[in-house]
PDB file of N, CA and C in Angstrom:
ATOM      1  N   MET A   1       0.842  -1.180   0.000  1.00  0.00           N
ATOM      2  CA  MET A   1       0.000   0.000   0.000  1.00  0.00           C
ATOM      3  C   MET A   1       0.888   1.243   0.000  1.00  0.00           C
ATOM      4  N   GLU A   2       0.659   2.115  -0.924  1.00  0.00           N
ATOM      5  CA  GLU A   2       1.432   3.344  -1.013  1.00  0.00           C
ATOM      6  C   GLU A   2       1.004   4.317   0.079  1.00  0.00           C
ATOM      7  N   ARG A   3       1.989   4.890   0.777  1.00  0.00           N
ATOM      8  CA  ARG A   3       1.682   5.866   1.839  1.00  0.00           C
ATOM      9  C   ARG A   3       1.165   7.159   1.231  1.00  0.00           C
ATOM     10  N   LEU A   4       0.194   7.726   1.875  1.00  0.00           N
ATOM     11  CA  LEU A   4      -0.334   9.011   1.435  1.00  0.00           C
ATOM     12  C   LEU A   4       0.575  10.124   1.948  1.00  0.00           C
ATOM     13  N   SER A   5       0.850  11.108   1.128  1.00  0.00           N
ATOM     14  CA  SER A   5       1.751  12.173   1.553  1.00  0.00           C
ATOM     15  C   SER A   5       1.017  13.368   2.134  1.00  0.00           C
ATOM     16  N   LYS A   6      -0.250  13.556   1.795  1.00  0.00           N
ATOM     17  CA  LYS A   6      -1.016  14.694   2.291  1.00  0.00           C
ATOM     18  C   LYS A   6      -2.433  14.266   2.595  1.00  0.00           C
ATOM     19  N   ILE A   7      -3.064  14.964   3.513  1.00  0.00           N
ATOM     20  CA  ILE A   7      -4.448  14.655   3.854  1.00  0.00           C
ATOM     21  C   ILE A   7      -5.365  14.888   2.654  1.00  0.00           C
ATOM     22  N   GLU A   8      -4.999  15.803   1.755  1.00  0.00           N
ATOM     23  CA  GLU A   8      -5.806  16.071   0.573  1.00  0.00           C
ATOM     24  C   GLU A   8      -5.872  14.857  -0.352  1.00  0.00           C
ATOM     25  N   ASP A   9      -4.892  13.943  -0.243  1.00  0.00           N
ATOM     26  CA  ASP A   9      -4.886  12.752  -1.072  1.00  0.00           C
ATOM     27  C   ASP A   9      -6.045  11.826  -0.753  1.00  0.00           C
ATOM     28  N   LEU A  10      -6.662  12.020   0.376  1.00  0.00           N
ATOM     29  CA  LEU A  10      -7.777  11.182   0.782  1.00  0.00           C
ATOM     30  C   LEU A  10      -9.066  11.840   0.279  1.00  0.00           C
ATOM     31  N   ALA A  11      -9.276  11.796  -1.035  1.00  0.00           N
ATOM     32  CA  ALA A  11     -10.342  12.566  -1.681  1.00  0.00           C
ATOM     33  C   ALA A  11     -11.745  12.180  -1.229  1.00  0.00           C
ATOM     34  N   LEU A  12     -11.936  10.976  -0.729  1.00  0.00           N
ATOM     35  CA  LEU A  12     -13.284  10.583  -0.357  1.00  0.00           C
ATOM     36  C   LEU A  12     -13.798  11.318   0.861  1.00  0.00           C
ATOM     37  N   PHE A  13     -12.928  12.016   1.613  1.00  0.00           N
ATOM     38  CA  PHE A  13     -13.363  12.797   2.764  1.00  0.00           C
ATOM     39  C   PHE A  13     -13.329  14.276   2.410  1.00  0.00           C
ATOM     40  N   ASN A  14     -14.500  14.881   2.206  1.00  0.00           N
ATOM     41  CA  ASN A  14     -14.551  16.321   1.957  1.00  0.00           C
ATOM     42  C   ASN A  14     -14.300  17.097   3.236  1.00  0.00           C
ATOM     43  N   ASP A  15     -14.813  16.588   4.337  1.00  0.00           N
ATOM     44  CA  ASP A  15     -14.679  17.257   5.623  1.00  0.00           C
ATOM     45  C   ASP A  15     -14.304  16.201   6.647  1.00  0.00           C
ATOM     46  N   VAL A  16     -13.006  16.060   6.943  1.00  0.00           N
ATOM     47  CA  VAL A  16     -12.524  15.013   7.828  1.00  0.00           C
ATOM     48  C   VAL A  16     -13.198  15.090   9.188  1.00  0.00           C
ATOM     49  N   GLU A  17     -13.473  16.305   9.695  1.00  0.00           N
ATOM     50  CA  GLU A  17     -14.095  16.447  11.005  1.00  0.00           C
ATOM     51  C   GLU A  17     -15.499  15.864  11.040  1.00  0.00           C
ATOM     52  N   SER A  18     -16.181  15.788   9.901  1.00  0.00           N
ATOM     53  CA  SER A  18     -17.545  15.287   9.895  1.00  0.00           C
ATOM     54  C   SER A  18     -17.600  13.761   9.870  1.00  0.00           C
ATOM     55  N   VAL A  19     -16.468  13.113   9.658  1.00  0.00           N
ATOM     56  CA  VAL A  19     -16.438  11.657   9.594  1.00  0.00           C
ATOM     57  C   VAL A  19     -16.262  11.099  10.999  1.00  0.00           C
ATOM     58  N   LEU A  20     -17.182  10.237  11.399  1.00  0.00           N
ATOM     59  CA  LEU A  20     -17.078   9.626  12.715  1.00  0.00           C
ATOM     60  C   LEU A  20     -16.410   8.271  12.559  1.00  0.00           C
ATOM     61  N   LEU A  21     -15.274   8.108  13.208  1.00  0.00           N
ATOM     62  CA  LEU A  21     -14.502   6.877  13.107  1.00  0.00           C
ATOM     63  C   LEU A  21     -14.312   6.287  14.486  1.00  0.00           C
ATOM     64  N   ASP A  22     -14.364   4.963  14.593  1.00  0.00           N
ATOM     65  CA  ASP A  22     -14.071   4.385  15.901  1.00  0.00           C
ATOM     66  C   ASP A  22     -12.577   4.494  16.169  1.00  0.00           C
ATOM     67  N   LYS A  23     -12.183   4.238  17.418  1.00  0.00           N
ATOM     68  CA  LYS A  23     -10.793   4.493  17.835  1.00  0.00           C
ATOM     69  C   LYS A  23      -9.788   3.715  16.992  1.00  0.00           C
ATOM     70  N   HIS A  24     -10.079   2.463  16.667  1.00  0.00           N
ATOM     71  CA  HIS A  24      -9.124   1.651  15.907  1.00  0.00           C
ATOM     72  C   HIS A  24      -8.938   2.208  14.495  1.00  0.00           C
ATOM     73  N   ILE A  25     -10.032   2.495  13.834  1.00  0.00           N
ATOM     74  CA  ILE A  25      -9.944   3.018  12.474  1.00  0.00           C
ATOM     75  C   ILE A  25      -9.225   4.359  12.481  1.00  0.00           C
ATOM     76  N   TYR A  26      -9.509   5.207  13.478  1.00  0.00           N
ATOM     77  CA  TYR A  26      -8.836   6.504  13.571  1.00  0.00           C
ATOM     78  C   TYR A  26      -7.324   6.321  13.692  1.00  0.00           C
ATOM     79  N   SER A  27      -6.891   5.388  14.547  1.00  0.00           N
ATOM     80  CA  SER A  27      -5.455   5.154  14.725  1.00  0.00           C
ATOM     81  C   SER A  27      -4.811   4.674  13.430  1.00  0.00           C
ATOM     82  N   VAL A  28      -5.488   3.758  12.743  1.00  0.00           N
ATOM     83  CA  VAL A  28      -4.960   3.245  11.474  1.00  0.00           C
ATOM     84  C   VAL A  28      -4.888   4.370  10.448  1.00  0.00           C
ATOM     85  N   LEU A  29      -5.956   5.160  10.340  1.00  0.00           N
ATOM     86  CA  LEU A  29      -5.977   6.274   9.399  1.00  0.00           C
ATOM     87  C   LEU A  29      -4.864   7.270   9.707  1.00  0.00           C
ATOM     88  N   ALA A  30      -4.686   7.593  10.970  1.00  0.00           N
ATOM     89  CA  ALA A  30      -3.641   8.539  11.366  1.00  0.00           C
ATOM     90  C   ALA A  30      -2.257   8.006  11.013  1.00  0.00           C
ATOM     91  N   SER A  31      -2.025   6.713  11.213  1.00  0.00           N
ATOM     92  CA  SER A  31      -0.708   6.160  10.913  1.00  0.00           C
ATOM     93  C   SER A  31      -0.443   6.128   9.406  1.00  0.00           C
ATOM     94  N   ILE A  32      -1.503   6.017   8.605  1.00  0.00           N
ATOM     95  CA  ILE A  32      -1.338   6.060   7.148  1.00  0.00           C
ATOM     96  C   ILE A  32      -1.063   7.486   6.684  1.00  0.00           C
ATOM     97  N   LEU A  33      -1.804   8.436   7.240  1.00  0.00           N
ATOM     98  CA  LEU A  33      -1.680   9.822   6.801  1.00  0.00           C
ATOM     99  C   LEU A  33      -0.393  10.481   7.258  1.00  0.00           C
ATOM    100  N   PHE A  34       0.043  10.158   8.464  1.00  0.00           N
ATOM    101  CA  PHE A  34       1.175  10.854   9.042  1.00  0.00           C
ATOM    102  C   PHE A  34       2.222   9.852   9.490  1.00  0.00           C
ATOM    103  N   GLU A  35       3.446  10.056   9.050  1.00  0.00           N
ATOM    104  CA  GLU A  35       4.545   9.236   9.539  1.00  0.00           C
ATOM    105  C   GLU A  35       5.043   9.910  10.800  1.00  0.00           C
ATOM    106  N   VAL A  36       4.660   9.391  11.939  1.00  0.00           N
ATOM    107  CA  VAL A  36       4.960  10.036  13.208  1.00  0.00           C
ATOM    108  C   VAL A  36       6.009   9.230  13.958  1.00  0.00           C
ATOM    109  N   ASP A  37       7.159   9.857  14.234  1.00  0.00           N
ATOM    110  CA  ASP A  37       8.215   9.199  14.985  1.00  0.00           C
ATOM    111  C   ASP A  37       8.138   9.550  16.462  1.00  0.00           C
ATOM    112  N   SER A  38       7.469  10.623  16.801  1.00  0.00           N
ATOM    113  CA  SER A  38       7.384  11.060  18.188  1.00  0.00           C
ATOM    114  C   SER A  38       5.951  10.887  18.688  1.00  0.00           C
ATOM    115  N   MET A  39       5.780  11.219  19.961  1.00  0.00           N
ATOM    116  CA  MET A  39       4.466  11.114  20.569  1.00  0.00           C
ATOM    117  C   MET A  39       3.535  12.157  19.953  1.00  0.00           C
ATOM    118  N   PRO A  40       2.283  11.780  19.664  1.00  0.00           N
ATOM    119  CA  PRO A  40       1.351  12.774  19.143  1.00  0.00           C
ATOM    120  C   PRO A  40       1.037  13.824  20.215  1.00  0.00           C
ATOM    121  N   SER A  41       0.876  15.060  19.782  1.00  0.00           N
ATOM    122  CA  SER A  41       0.557  16.123  20.721  1.00  0.00           C
ATOM    123  C   SER A  41      -0.542  16.997  20.140  1.00  0.00           C
ATOM    124  N   ALA A  42      -1.163  17.766  21.024  1.00  0.00           N
ATOM    125  CA  ALA A  42      -2.255  18.635  20.598  1.00  0.00           C
ATOM    126  C   ALA A  42      -2.362  19.815  21.545  1.00  0.00           C
ATOM    127  N   CYS A  43      -3.058  20.820  21.089  1.00  0.00           N
ATOM    128  CA  CYS A  43      -3.392  21.981  21.897  1.00  0.00           C
ATOM    129  C   CYS A  43      -4.912  21.961  22.040  1.00  0.00           C
ATOM    130  N   VAL A  44      -5.398  21.896  23.270  1.00  0.00           N
ATOM    131  CA  VAL A  44      -6.833  21.853  23.519  1.00  0.00           C
ATOM    132  C   VAL A  44      -7.258  23.225  24.040  1.00  0.00           C
ATOM    133  N   LEU A  45      -8.152  23.863  23.311  1.00  0.00           N
ATOM    134  CA  LEU A  45      -8.687  25.164  23.705  1.00  0.00           C
ATOM    135  C   LEU A  45      -9.979  24.895  24.462  1.00  0.00           C
ATOM    136  N   VAL A  46     -10.092  25.437  25.665  1.00  0.00           N
ATOM    137  CA  VAL A  46     -11.218  25.123  26.539  1.00  0.00           C
ATOM    138  C   VAL A  46     -12.004  26.391  26.868  1.00  0.00           C
ATOM    139  N   ARG A  47     -13.312  26.335  26.662  1.00  0.00           N
ATOM    140  CA  ARG A  47     -14.216  27.394  27.131  1.00  0.00           C
ATOM    141  C   ARG A  47     -14.845  26.874  28.406  1.00  0.00           C
ATOM    142  N   ALA A  48     -14.667  27.611  29.488  1.00  0.00           N
ATOM    143  CA  ALA A  48     -15.226  27.228  30.790  1.00  0.00           C
ATOM    144  C   ALA A  48     -16.576  27.905  30.989  1.00  0.00           C
ATOM    145  N   SER A  49     -17.409  27.279  31.791  1.00  0.00           N
ATOM    146  CA  SER A  49     -18.673  27.912  32.192  1.00  0.00           C
ATOM    147  C   SER A  49     -18.336  29.156  32.990  1.00  0.00           C
ATOM    148  N   ALA A  50     -19.266  30.099  33.032  1.00  0.00           N
ATOM    149  CA  ALA A  50     -19.044  31.384  33.701  1.00  0.00           C
ATOM    150  C   ALA A  50     -18.519  31.199  35.120  1.00  0.00           C
ATOM    151  N   GLY A  51     -17.379  31.850  35.397  1.00  0.00           N
ATOM    152  CA  GLY A  51     -16.799  31.836  36.734  1.00  0.00           C
ATOM    153  C   GLY A  51     -16.105  30.556  37.152  1.00  0.00           C
ATOM    154  N   ARG A  52     -15.911  29.599  36.233  1.00  0.00           N
ATOM    155  CA  ARG A  52     -15.357  28.299  36.633  1.00  0.00           C
ATOM    156  C   ARG A  52     -13.989  27.996  36.019  1.00  0.00           C
ATOM    157  N   TYR A  53     -13.323  28.989  35.430  1.00  0.00           N
ATOM    158  CA  TYR A  53     -12.055  28.684  34.761  1.00  0.00           C
ATOM    159  C   TYR A  53     -10.981  28.197  35.731  1.00  0.00           C
ATOM    160  N   ARG A  54     -10.953  28.690  36.960  1.00  0.00           N
ATOM    161  CA  ARG A  54      -9.941  28.233  37.928  1.00  0.00           C
ATOM    162  C   ARG A  54     -10.148  26.759  38.283  1.00  0.00           C
ATOM    163  N   GLU A  55     -11.390  26.384  38.476  1.00  0.00           N
ATOM    164  CA  GLU A  55     -11.740  24.994  38.772  1.00  0.00           C
ATOM    165  C   GLU A  55     -11.313  24.075  37.616  1.00  0.00           C
ATOM    166  N   VAL A  56     -11.588  24.504  36.389  1.00  0.00           N
ATOM    167  CA  VAL A  56     -11.206  23.733  35.200  1.00  0.00           C
ATOM    168  C   VAL A  56      -9.691  23.643  35.108  1.00  0.00           C
ATOM    169  N   LEU A  57      -9.013  24.751  35.325  1.00  0.00           N
ATOM    170  CA  LEU A  57      -7.554  24.814  35.275  1.00  0.00           C
ATOM    171  C   LEU A  57      -6.929  23.782  36.221  1.00  0.00           C
ATOM    172  N   GLU A  58      -7.402  23.729  37.463  1.00  0.00           N
ATOM    173  CA  GLU A  58      -6.855  22.797  38.449  1.00  0.00           C
ATOM    174  C   GLU A  58      -7.174  21.348  38.109  1.00  0.00           C
ATOM    175  N   ALA A  59      -8.380  21.083  37.626  1.00  0.00           N
ATOM    176  CA  ALA A  59      -8.764  19.715  37.266  1.00  0.00           C
ATOM    177  C   ALA A  59      -7.934  19.203  36.090  1.00  0.00           C
ATOM    178  N   VAL A  60      -7.734  20.047  35.092  1.00  0.00           N
ATOM    179  CA  VAL A  60      -6.962  19.659  33.907  1.00  0.00           C
ATOM    180  C   VAL A  60      -5.503  19.420  34.276  1.00  0.00           C
ATOM    181  N   ARG A  61      -4.976  20.268  35.141  1.00  0.00           N
ATOM    182  CA  ARG A  61      -3.574  20.187  35.546  1.00  0.00           C
ATOM    183  C   ARG A  61      -3.211  18.810  36.112  1.00  0.00           C
ATOM    184  N   SER A  62      -4.166  18.124  36.715  1.00  0.00           N
ATOM    185  CA  SER A  62      -3.895  16.837  37.371  1.00  0.00           C
ATOM    186  C   SER A  62      -3.942  15.637  36.423  1.00  0.00           C
ATOM    187  N   LEU A  63      -4.334  15.833  35.172  1.00  0.00           N
ATOM    188  CA  LEU A  63      -4.468  14.711  34.241  1.00  0.00           C
ATOM    189  C   LEU A  63      -3.120  14.270  33.680  1.00  0.00           C
ATOM    190  N   LYS A  64      -2.944  12.958  33.580  1.00  0.00           N
ATOM    191  CA  LYS A  64      -1.749  12.400  32.958  1.00  0.00           C
ATOM    192  C   LYS A  64      -1.760  12.743  31.465  1.00  0.00           C
ATOM    193  N   GLY A  65      -0.658  13.250  30.968  1.00  0.00           N
ATOM    194  CA  GLY A  65      -0.545  13.620  29.564  1.00  0.00           C
ATOM    195  C   GLY A  65      -0.595  15.116  29.334  1.00  0.00           C
ATOM    196  N   VAL A  66      -0.962  15.866  30.375  1.00  0.00           N
ATOM    197  CA  VAL A  66      -0.996  17.323  30.252  1.00  0.00           C
ATOM    198  C   VAL A  66       0.425  17.847  30.442  1.00  0.00           C
ATOM    199  N   VAL A  67       0.938  18.526  29.428  1.00  0.00           N
ATOM    200  CA  VAL A  67       2.295  19.065  29.457  1.00  0.00           C
ATOM    201  C   VAL A  67       2.306  20.465  30.051  1.00  0.00           C
ATOM    202  N   LYS A  68       1.328  21.269  29.649  1.00  0.00           N
ATOM    203  CA  LYS A  68       1.258  22.647  30.105  1.00  0.00           C
ATOM    204  C   LYS A  68      -0.200  23.092  30.054  1.00  0.00           C
ATOM    205  N   VAL A  69      -0.604  23.889  31.032  1.00  0.00           N
ATOM    206  CA  VAL A  69      -1.961  24.431  31.057  1.00  0.00           C
ATOM    207  C   VAL A  69      -1.898  25.860  31.584  1.00  0.00           C
ATOM    208  N   PHE A  70      -2.629  26.768  30.922  1.00  0.00           N
ATOM    209  CA  PHE A  70      -2.609  28.154  31.376  1.00  0.00           C
ATOM    210  C   PHE A  70      -3.898  28.867  30.962  1.00  0.00           C
ATOM    211  N   PRO A  71      -4.311  29.869  31.763  1.00  0.00           N
ATOM    212  CA  PRO A  71      -5.505  30.644  31.422  1.00  0.00           C
ATOM    213  C   PRO A  71      -5.171  31.680  30.346  1.00  0.00           C
ATOM    214  N   VAL A  72      -6.174  32.024  29.539  1.00  0.00           N
ATOM    215  CA  VAL A  72      -5.992  33.030  28.488  1.00  0.00           C
ATOM    216  C   VAL A  72      -7.213  33.940  28.430  1.00  0.00           C
ATOM    217  N   LEU A  73      -7.049  35.069  27.773  1.00  0.00           N
ATOM    218  CA  LEU A  73      -8.157  35.979  27.516  1.00  0.00           C
ATOM    219  C   LEU A  73      -8.609  35.769  26.078  1.00  0.00           C
ATOM    220  N   GLY A  74      -9.892  35.949  25.821  1.00  0.00           N
ATOM    221  CA  GLY A  74     -10.408  35.803  24.461  1.00  0.00           C
ATOM    222  C   GLY A  74     -11.582  34.844  24.428  1.00  0.00           C
ATOM    223  N   ARG A  75     -11.768  34.224  23.287  1.00  0.00           N
ATOM    224  CA  ARG A  75     -12.897  33.310  23.085  1.00  0.00           C
ATOM    225  C   ARG A  75     -12.817  32.083  23.975  1.00  0.00           C
ATOM    226  N   PHE A  76     -11.613  31.664  24.326  1.00  0.00           N
ATOM    227  CA  PHE A  76     -11.398  30.512  25.200  1.00  0.00           C
ATOM    228  C   PHE A  76     -10.844  30.989  26.533  1.00  0.00           C
ATOM    229  N   ASP A  77     -10.927  30.140  27.543  1.00  0.00           N
ATOM    230  CA  ASP A  77     -10.492  30.503  28.886  1.00  0.00           C
ATOM    231  C   ASP A  77      -9.211  29.796  29.325  1.00  0.00           C
ATOM    232  N   VAL A  78      -8.999  28.590  28.807  1.00  0.00           N
ATOM    233  CA  VAL A  78      -7.858  27.770  29.216  1.00  0.00           C
ATOM    234  C   VAL A  78      -7.261  27.119  27.973  1.00  0.00           C
ATOM    235  N   VAL A  79      -5.928  27.086  27.907  1.00  0.00           N
ATOM    236  CA  VAL A  79      -5.216  26.371  26.844  1.00  0.00           C
ATOM    237  C   VAL A  79      -4.459  25.224  27.497  1.00  0.00           C
ATOM    238  N   VAL A  80      -4.570  24.036  26.878  1.00  0.00           N
ATOM    239  CA  VAL A  80      -3.936  22.840  27.428  1.00  0.00           C
ATOM    240  C   VAL A  80      -3.073  22.203  26.342  1.00  0.00           C
ATOM    241  N   ASP A  81      -1.775  22.074  26.608  1.00  0.00           N
ATOM    242  CA  ASP A  81      -0.886  21.330  25.714  1.00  0.00           C
ATOM    243  C   ASP A  81      -0.817  19.909  26.236  1.00  0.00           C
ATOM    244  N   VAL A  82      -1.086  18.932  25.361  1.00  0.00           N
ATOM    245  CA  VAL A  82      -1.115  17.527  25.776  1.00  0.00           C
ATOM    246  C   VAL A  82      -0.247  16.671  24.863  1.00  0.00           C
ATOM    247  N   GLU A  83       0.205  15.542  25.407  1.00  0.00           N
ATOM    248  CA  GLU A  83       0.954  14.527  24.667  1.00  0.00           C
ATOM    249  C   GLU A  83       0.429  13.167  25.074  1.00  0.00           C
ATOM    250  N   ALA A  84       0.513  12.200  24.162  1.00  0.00           N
ATOM    251  CA  ALA A  84       0.096  10.840  24.474  1.00  0.00           C
ATOM    252  C   ALA A  84       0.981   9.858  23.713  1.00  0.00           C
ATOM    253  N   GLU A  85       0.903   8.597  24.095  1.00  0.00           N
ATOM    254  CA  GLU A  85       1.707   7.557  23.446  1.00  0.00           C
ATOM    255  C   GLU A  85       1.252   7.310  22.005  1.00  0.00           C
ATOM    256  N   ASN A  86      -0.063   7.463  21.756  1.00  0.00           N
ATOM    257  CA  ASN A  86      -0.615   7.202  20.425  1.00  0.00           C
ATOM    258  C   ASN A  86      -1.883   8.038  20.245  1.00  0.00           C
ATOM    259  N   TYR A  87      -2.448   7.998  19.051  1.00  0.00           N
ATOM    260  CA  TYR A  87      -3.619   8.820  18.765  1.00  0.00           C
ATOM    261  C   TYR A  87      -4.855   8.365  19.532  1.00  0.00           C
ATOM    262  N   SER A  88      -4.956   7.103  19.804  1.00  0.00           N
ATOM    263  CA  SER A  88      -6.082   6.603  20.587  1.00  0.00           C
ATOM    264  C   SER A  88      -6.045   7.169  22.006  1.00  0.00           C
ATOM    265  N   ASP A  89      -4.860   7.163  22.635  1.00  0.00           N
ATOM    266  CA  ASP A  89      -4.704   7.731  23.981  1.00  0.00           C
ATOM    267  C   ASP A  89      -4.918   9.239  23.970  1.00  0.00           C
ATOM    268  N   LEU A  90      -4.491   9.885  22.900  1.00  0.00           N
ATOM    269  CA  LEU A  90      -4.694  11.329  22.771  1.00  0.00           C
ATOM    270  C   LEU A  90      -6.191  11.644  22.707  1.00  0.00           C
ATOM    271  N   ALA A  91      -6.926  10.870  21.930  1.00  0.00           N
ATOM    272  CA  ALA A  91      -8.377  11.072  21.823  1.00  0.00           C
ATOM    273  C   ALA A  91      -9.053  10.861  23.176  1.00  0.00           C
ATOM    274  N   SER A  92      -8.616   9.845  23.927  1.00  0.00           N
ATOM    275  CA  SER A  92      -9.185   9.583  25.255  1.00  0.00           C
ATOM    276  C   SER A  92      -8.935  10.755  26.198  1.00  0.00           C
ATOM    277  N   LEU A  93      -7.728  11.296  26.162  1.00  0.00           N
ATOM    278  CA  LEU A  93      -7.380  12.421  27.025  1.00  0.00           C
ATOM    279  C   LEU A  93      -8.229  13.647  26.685  1.00  0.00           C
ATOM    280  N   VAL A  94      -8.402  13.912  25.416  1.00  0.00           N
ATOM    281  CA  VAL A  94      -9.207  15.066  24.989  1.00  0.00           C
ATOM    282  C   VAL A  94     -10.660  14.887  25.432  1.00  0.00           C
ATOM    283  N   ARG A  95     -11.178  13.666  25.305  1.00  0.00           N
ATOM    284  CA  ARG A  95     -12.553  13.410  25.766  1.00  0.00           C
ATOM    285  C   ARG A  95     -12.668  13.601  27.281  1.00  0.00           C
ATOM    286  N   ARG A  96     -11.638  13.166  28.032  1.00  0.00           N
ATOM    287  CA  ARG A  96     -11.638  13.359  29.486  1.00  0.00           C
ATOM    288  C   ARG A  96     -11.688  14.845  29.851  1.00  0.00           C
ATOM    289  N   ILE A  97     -10.922  15.648  29.131  1.00  0.00           N
ATOM    290  CA  ILE A  97     -10.921  17.092  29.374  1.00  0.00           C
ATOM    291  C   ILE A  97     -12.320  17.661  29.129  1.00  0.00           C
ATOM    292  N   GLY A  98     -12.960  17.222  28.055  1.00  0.00           N
ATOM    293  CA  GLY A  98     -14.289  17.721  27.717  1.00  0.00           C
ATOM    294  C   GLY A  98     -15.364  17.354  28.731  1.00  0.00           C
ATOM    295  N   ARG A  99     -15.134  16.286  29.510  1.00  0.00           N
ATOM    296  CA  ARG A  99     -16.115  15.837  30.504  1.00  0.00           C
ATOM    297  C   ARG A  99     -15.902  16.449  31.887  1.00  0.00           C
ATOM    298  N   ILE A 100     -14.882  17.252  32.050  1.00  0.00           N
ATOM    299  CA  ILE A 100     -14.619  17.876  33.353  1.00  0.00           C
ATOM    300  C   ILE A 100     -15.733  18.870  33.664  1.00  0.00           C
ATOM    301  N   GLY A 101     -16.181  18.856  34.905  1.00  0.00           N
ATOM    302  CA  GLY A 101     -17.205  19.803  35.332  1.00  0.00           C
ATOM    303  C   GLY A 101     -16.737  21.226  35.134  1.00  0.00           C
ATOM    304  N   GLY A 102     -17.578  22.049  34.545  1.00  0.00           N
ATOM    305  CA  GLY A 102     -17.218  23.429  34.293  1.00  0.00           C
ATOM    306  C   GLY A 102     -16.728  23.688  32.879  1.00  0.00           C
ATOM    307  N   VAL A 103     -16.500  22.628  32.099  1.00  0.00           N
ATOM    308  CA  VAL A 103     -16.080  22.794  30.705  1.00  0.00           C
ATOM    309  C   VAL A 103     -17.328  22.928  29.847  1.00  0.00           C
ATOM    310  N   ALA A 104     -17.460  24.061  29.165  1.00  0.00           N
ATOM    311  CA  ALA A 104     -18.603  24.284  28.281  1.00  0.00           C
ATOM    312  C   ALA A 104     -18.382  23.587  26.937  1.00  0.00           C
ATOM    313  N   PHE A 105     -17.198  23.796  26.346  1.00  0.00           N
ATOM    314  CA  PHE A 105     -16.833  23.101  25.109  1.00  0.00           C
ATOM    315  C   PHE A 105     -15.337  23.222  24.882  1.00  0.00           C
ATOM    316  N   THR A 106     -14.823  22.391  23.974  1.00  0.00           N
ATOM    317  CA  THR A 106     -13.398  22.409  23.639  1.00  0.00           C
ATOM    318  C   THR A 106     -13.223  22.444  22.124  1.00  0.00           C
ATOM    319  N   GLU A 107     -12.051  22.861  21.728  1.00  0.00           N
ATOM    320  CA  GLU A 107     -11.617  22.751  20.332  1.00  0.00           C
ATOM    321  C   GLU A 107     -10.192  22.225  20.383  1.00  0.00           C
ATOM    322  N   THR A 108      -9.916  21.188  19.609  1.00  0.00           N
ATOM    323  CA  THR A 108      -8.610  20.532  19.670  1.00  0.00           C
ATOM    324  C   THR A 108      -7.847  20.731  18.372  1.00  0.00           C
ATOM    325  N   LEU A 109      -6.595  21.164  18.511  1.00  0.00           N
ATOM    326  CA  LEU A 109      -5.700  21.357  17.379  1.00  0.00           C
ATOM    327  C   LEU A 109      -4.610  20.298  17.475  1.00  0.00           C
ATOM    328  N   VAL A 110      -4.697  19.269  16.642  1.00  0.00           N
ATOM    329  CA  VAL A 110      -3.739  18.165  16.694  1.00  0.00           C
ATOM    330  C   VAL A 110      -2.527  18.523  15.848  1.00  0.00           C
ATOM    331  N   GLU A 111      -1.348  18.338  16.443  1.00  0.00           N
ATOM    332  CA  GLU A 111      -0.114  18.612  15.725  1.00  0.00           C
ATOM    333  C   GLU A 111       0.017  17.634  14.572  1.00  0.00           C
ATOM    334  N   MET A 112       0.460  18.144  13.433  1.00  0.00           N
ATOM    335  CA  MET A 112       0.607  17.319  12.244  1.00  0.00           C
ATOM    336  C   MET A 112       2.029  17.457  11.731  1.00  0.00           C
ATOM    337  N   GLU A 113       2.629  16.347  11.434  1.00  0.00           N
ATOM    338  CA  GLU A 113       3.961  16.377  10.845  1.00  0.00           C
ATOM    339  C   GLU A 113       3.823  16.483   9.336  1.00  0.00           C
ATOM    340  N   VAL A 114       4.474  17.449   8.758  1.00  0.00           N
ATOM    341  CA  VAL A 114       4.423  17.611   7.304  1.00  0.00           C
ATOM    342  C   VAL A 114       5.406  16.642   6.687  1.00  0.00           C
ATOM    343  N   VAL A 115       4.901  15.793   5.787  1.00  0.00           N
ATOM    344  CA  VAL A 115       5.765  14.791   5.146  1.00  0.00           C
ATOM    345  C   VAL A 115       5.921  15.078   3.690  1.00  0.00           C
TER     346      VAL A 115
END
């Protein structure tokens, strides 16, 4: 199987975010799309419920895989840099962050290696 060099090569997906994939398929797809030698990482942007950003900040800080967490001004309240052993673990960590009390919603920016 020839490795894909760019996400655009996967023409059957017009909007990758709209495709719901189970964890195994996601990991396989990620390994085909990206040749990753290091741990996958992401930046999770968190919007906290009114008045709860400190609570969210402390809860996120205690999670395994969180590299750095800090409050910000703007559309989001907290930024979380995360790392995981693989994409499946990264997805689990992001879901855990989204389920923390006081989190209104998140947006995740997954680091991509350009090949």
